[in-house]
């Protein structure tokens, strides 16, 4: 787990594992910039790139499950390590990277995360996975719309959501050893609430940042768009995994 300030001036950047637990926060490499990019343009492109990332991950997950099951059994742990390294590189190195390099890194991360996510097809029924995906999409959309259209600044939520995030990470680690089903259930419920909250918070954060500060070049705009897309991508993936853990039908 790693921590730094995000380019929106708030502490909140998460990396998922394939059980829905997360944890990084990233640093602000874009402070002190002048507004030239409009709010709607930034948000539209953030969601576009988030959708591209999810599509790539879905194709990679289904493809590796169908055609590379034996490989994935062996490669899961190395890929998970590479995945973590890539997120750290993107989060800590975004200021020094070109916009093109940021895009390539995001796409590569989406592929590798898709490969590791293929593990869910070995655990859960495929129909259950798709139903849960659409439930997650609906919950994500509602939270994103709230974050976009609310007149409130949700910045104050960040600290509490972060505390909750740390709490479920610690509880999940503890539960690896004690294997308490009730604790697992509570962690899953709290996790769902946290990632719904983080979705609204992140969208609101992007909206507030773009309207108050904006960007002084297309290069800067592209970097912030990719960063925002990655943040929302991680929110969605973790929400989906938590819901799958709660509602998913396991293979027999």
Foldseek 3Di string as FASTA:
>chain_A
DEEEAFLLRAWDFWDADLLLAIDYTFYHLNPPFAADDALVVLLVLLVVLLVVLQVLLQCLLVVCLVPPVVVLVVCLVVLRVVLVVLSVCLRHVLNVDWLVVLSVSSNVSSNSNSSNNNVVVQWFPPVLLVVLLVVLVVLLVVLLVCLQPPPDQCSVCRVVLNVLSVVLVVLVVVCVPVVDPVSLLVSLVSSLVSLSNQSSNLSNSSSVSNNPGHHDDPRVSSSVSSSSSNRNSSSSSSNSSSSCVVRTHTDD
